[in-house]
Amino acid sequence: MSHTVIDAAEVEPSFGVFRKMRIALGTSGFGINQLELPPGASGVEHDETEGGQEEVYVVLAGSGIMRIDGEDVALVPGRWLRVDPRHTRMPIAGSEGLKLIMVGGTPGRGYVPRKNL
């Protein structure tokens, strides 16, 4: 097949907020997922040191912040943000919630997908 079409609403969210789009699309060159946080909720604080992935976040709707090593970066629709692997990050939704796409890959190496993501 030359392409795959998936509507996000067709992908059952893990924990009610995390849509595993890489798995749904069958991509193998990079990781990609969608996060939909309700107002005031936060995602999981984490880094990508173990796998070496840098991540890019693209805000689709809502607003909030990305807390990177304790520093808050504003998130608004249309904003793109890249985070190095070794730095902690945690998205926190604003009063209208936050919907964003996360893309991950390892600089200089082929992508190695994690089974559960």
C-alpha atoms as a PDB file:
ATOM      1  CA  MET A   1       0.000   0.000   0.000  1.00  0.00           C
ATOM      2  CA  SER A   2       1.270   3.490  -0.832  1.00  0.00           C
ATOM      3  CA  HIS A   3      -0.215   5.266   2.184  1.00  0.00           C
ATOM      4  CA  THR A   4      -2.089   4.917   5.467  1.00  0.00           C
ATOM      5  CA  VAL A   5      -4.949   7.130   6.624  1.00  0.00           C
ATOM      6  CA  ILE A   6      -5.914   7.209  10.289  1.00  0.00           C
ATOM      7  CA  ASP A   7      -8.218   9.604  12.110  1.00  0.00           C
ATOM      8  CA  ALA A   8      -6.948  10.224  15.647  1.00  0.00           C
ATOM      9  CA  ALA A   9     -10.440   9.500  16.989  1.00  0.00           C
ATOM     10  CA  GLU A  10     -10.080   5.921  15.676  1.00  0.00           C
ATOM     11  CA  VAL A  11      -7.029   5.267  17.896  1.00  0.00           C
ATOM     12  CA  GLU A  12      -7.976   4.239  21.424  1.00  0.00           C
ATOM     13  CA  PRO A  13      -6.079   6.494  23.855  1.00  0.00           C
ATOM     14  CA  SER A  14      -3.898   4.904  26.525  1.00  0.00           C
ATOM     15  CA  PHE A  15      -4.652   6.353  29.966  1.00  0.00           C
ATOM     16  CA  GLY A  16      -7.392   8.368  28.227  1.00  0.00           C
ATOM     17  CA  VAL A  17      -4.922  10.921  26.786  1.00  0.00           C
ATOM     18  CA  PHE A  18      -2.109   9.236  24.790  1.00  0.00           C
ATOM     19  CA  ARG A  19      -2.766   8.068  21.221  1.00  0.00           C
ATOM     20  CA  LYS A  20      -0.093   5.706  19.847  1.00  0.00           C
ATOM     21  CA  MET A  21      -0.071   6.997  16.295  1.00  0.00           C
ATOM     22  CA  ARG A  22       3.223   5.313  15.244  1.00  0.00           C
ATOM     23  CA  ILE A  23       1.688   1.924  15.873  1.00  0.00           C
ATOM     24  CA  ALA A  24      -1.622   2.872  14.232  1.00  0.00           C
ATOM     25  CA  LEU A  25       0.149   4.208  11.134  1.00  0.00           C
ATOM     26  CA  GLY A  26       2.792   1.473  11.028  1.00  0.00           C
ATOM     27  CA  THR A  27       5.694   3.926  10.757  1.00  0.00           C
ATOM     28  CA  SER A  28       9.194   2.614  11.358  1.00  0.00           C
ATOM     29  CA  GLY A  29      11.400   5.641  10.590  1.00  0.00           C
ATOM     30  CA  PHE A  30      10.419   7.741  13.626  1.00  0.00           C
ATOM     31  CA  GLY A  31       8.125   7.725  16.634  1.00  0.00           C
ATOM     32  CA  ILE A  32       4.989   9.846  16.574  1.00  0.00           C
ATOM     33  CA  ASN A  33       2.140  10.092  19.067  1.00  0.00           C
ATOM     34  CA  GLN A  34      -0.629  12.481  20.060  1.00  0.00           C
ATOM     35  CA  LEU A  35      -1.258  13.719  23.600  1.00  0.00           C
ATOM     36  CA  GLU A  36      -4.555  15.288  24.688  1.00  0.00           C
ATOM     37  CA  LEU A  37      -4.449  16.639  28.228  1.00  0.00           C
ATOM     38  CA  PRO A  38      -7.560  18.029  29.944  1.00  0.00           C
ATOM     39  CA  PRO A  39      -7.393  21.467  31.602  1.00  0.00           C
ATOM     40  CA  GLY A  40      -4.773  21.637  34.352  1.00  0.00           C
ATOM     41  CA  ALA A  41      -3.499  18.073  33.810  1.00  0.00           C
ATOM     42  CA  SER A  42       0.138  17.180  33.351  1.00  0.00           C
ATOM     43  CA  GLY A  43       1.918  14.497  31.388  1.00  0.00           C
ATOM     44  CA  VAL A  44       4.690  12.273  32.698  1.00  0.00           C
ATOM     45  CA  GLU A  45       7.999  13.953  33.522  1.00  0.00           C
ATOM     46  CA  HIS A  46      10.712  12.042  31.663  1.00  0.00           C
ATOM     47  CA  ASP A  47      13.908  12.262  29.667  1.00  0.00           C
ATOM     48  CA  GLU A  48      15.078  10.217  26.695  1.00  0.00           C
ATOM     49  CA  THR A  49      18.649   9.603  27.882  1.00  0.00           C
ATOM     50  CA  GLU A  50      18.408   5.815  27.673  1.00  0.00           C
ATOM     51  CA  GLY A  51      17.238   5.682  24.050  1.00  0.00           C
ATOM     52  CA  GLY A  52      18.979   8.887  22.946  1.00  0.00           C
ATOM     53  CA  GLN A  53      15.896  10.311  21.241  1.00  0.00           C
ATOM     54  CA  GLU A  54      15.400  13.998  20.690  1.00  0.00           C
ATOM     55  CA  GLU A  55      11.748  14.952  20.610  1.00  0.00           C
ATOM     56  CA  VAL A  56       9.824  17.596  18.705  1.00  0.00           C
ATOM     57  CA  TYR A  57       6.456  18.768  19.991  1.00  0.00           C
ATOM     58  CA  VAL A  58       3.872  20.540  17.823  1.00  0.00           C
ATOM     59  CA  VAL A  59       0.911  22.191  19.542  1.00  0.00           C
ATOM     60  CA  LEU A  60      -2.378  21.589  17.727  1.00  0.00           C
ATOM     61  CA  ALA A  61      -4.859  23.161  20.138  1.00  0.00           C
ATOM     62  CA  GLY A  62      -5.208  24.585  23.621  1.00  0.00           C
ATOM     63  CA  SER A  63      -2.277  25.931  25.569  1.00  0.00           C
ATOM     64  CA  GLY A  64       0.000  25.186  28.478  1.00  0.00           C
ATOM     65  CA  ILE A  65       3.669  24.862  29.266  1.00  0.00           C
ATOM     66  CA  MET A  66       6.474  22.372  28.773  1.00  0.00           C
ATOM     67  CA  ARG A  67       8.582  22.205  31.917  1.00  0.00           C
ATOM     68  CA  ILE A  68      12.159  21.482  30.764  1.00  0.00           C
ATOM     69  CA  ASP A  69      14.633  20.938  33.603  1.00  0.00           C
ATOM     70  CA  GLY A  70      12.450  23.187  35.761  1.00  0.00           C
ATOM     71  CA  GLU A  71      12.139  25.972  33.153  1.00  0.00           C
ATOM     72  CA  ASP A  72       8.671  26.686  31.736  1.00  0.00           C
ATOM     73  CA  VAL A  73       8.285  27.138  27.973  1.00  0.00           C
ATOM     74  CA  ALA A  74       4.900  28.462  26.779  1.00  0.00           C
ATOM     75  CA  LEU A  75       2.928  26.190  24.460  1.00  0.00           C
ATOM     76  CA  VAL A  76       0.414  27.713  22.047  1.00  0.00           C
ATOM     77  CA  PRO A  77      -1.123  26.481  18.775  1.00  0.00           C
ATOM     78  CA  GLY A  78       1.364  26.498  15.922  1.00  0.00           C
ATOM     79  CA  ARG A  79       4.407  26.440  18.227  1.00  0.00           C
ATOM     80  CA  TRP A  80       7.133  23.854  17.626  1.00  0.00           C
ATOM     81  CA  LEU A  81       9.554  22.799  20.378  1.00  0.00           C
ATOM     82  CA  ARG A  82      12.610  20.484  20.226  1.00  0.00           C
ATOM     83  CA  VAL A  83      14.100  18.921  23.381  1.00  0.00           C
ATOM     84  CA  ASP A  84      17.492  17.183  23.640  1.00  0.00           C
ATOM     85  CA  PRO A  85      17.471  13.592  24.976  1.00  0.00           C
ATOM     86  CA  ARG A  86      19.138  14.212  28.353  1.00  0.00           C
ATOM     87  CA  HIS A  87      16.789  16.959  29.557  1.00  0.00           C
ATOM     88  CA  THR A  88      13.631  16.250  31.562  1.00  0.00           C
ATOM     89  CA  ARG A  89      10.362  17.440  30.122  1.00  0.00           C
ATOM     90  CA  MET A  90       6.762  17.467  31.302  1.00  0.00           C
ATOM     91  CA  PRO A  91       3.785  18.991  29.474  1.00  0.00           C
ATOM     92  CA  ILE A  92       1.209  20.795  31.603  1.00  0.00           C
ATOM     93  CA  ALA A  93      -2.125  21.857  30.123  1.00  0.00           C
ATOM     94  CA  GLY A  94      -3.580  25.314  30.561  1.00  0.00           C
ATOM     95  CA  SER A  95      -7.201  26.218  31.305  1.00  0.00           C
ATOM     96  CA  GLU A  96      -8.470  25.029  27.898  1.00  0.00           C
ATOM     97  CA  GLY A  97      -6.522  21.769  27.799  1.00  0.00           C
ATOM     98  CA  LEU A  98      -3.621  20.901  25.489  1.00  0.00           C
ATOM     99  CA  LYS A  99      -3.428  18.788  22.337  1.00  0.00           C
ATOM    100  CA  LEU A 100       0.003  18.162  20.833  1.00  0.00           C
ATOM    101  CA  ILE A 101       1.936  15.845  18.553  1.00  0.00           C
ATOM    102  CA  MET A 102       5.228  14.320  19.695  1.00  0.00           C
ATOM    103  CA  VAL A 103       7.835  13.146  17.162  1.00  0.00           C
ATOM    104  CA  GLY A 104      10.964  11.308  18.299  1.00  0.00           C
ATOM    105  CA  GLY A 105      14.132  10.067  16.652  1.00  0.00           C
ATOM    106  CA  THR A 106      17.755   9.373  17.487  1.00  0.00           C
ATOM    107  CA  PRO A 107      20.216  11.798  15.842  1.00  0.00           C
ATOM    108  CA  GLY A 108      22.636  10.054  13.498  1.00  0.00           C
ATOM    109  CA  ARG A 109      21.039   6.620  13.883  1.00  0.00           C
ATOM    110  CA  GLY A 110      18.130   4.730  12.434  1.00  0.00           C
ATOM    111  CA  TYR A 111      14.972   4.730  14.503  1.00  0.00           C
ATOM    112  CA  VAL A 112      14.500   1.791  16.860  1.00  0.00           C
ATOM    113  CA  PRO A 113      10.835   1.595  17.860  1.00  0.00           C
ATOM    114  CA  ARG A 114       9.832   0.647  21.373  1.00  0.00           C
ATOM    115  CA  LYS A 115       7.207  -2.094  21.418  1.00  0.00           C
ATOM    116  CA  ASN A 116       4.692  -0.183  23.523  1.00  0.00           C
ATOM    117  CA  LEU A 117       5.089   3.158  21.714  1.00  0.00           C
END
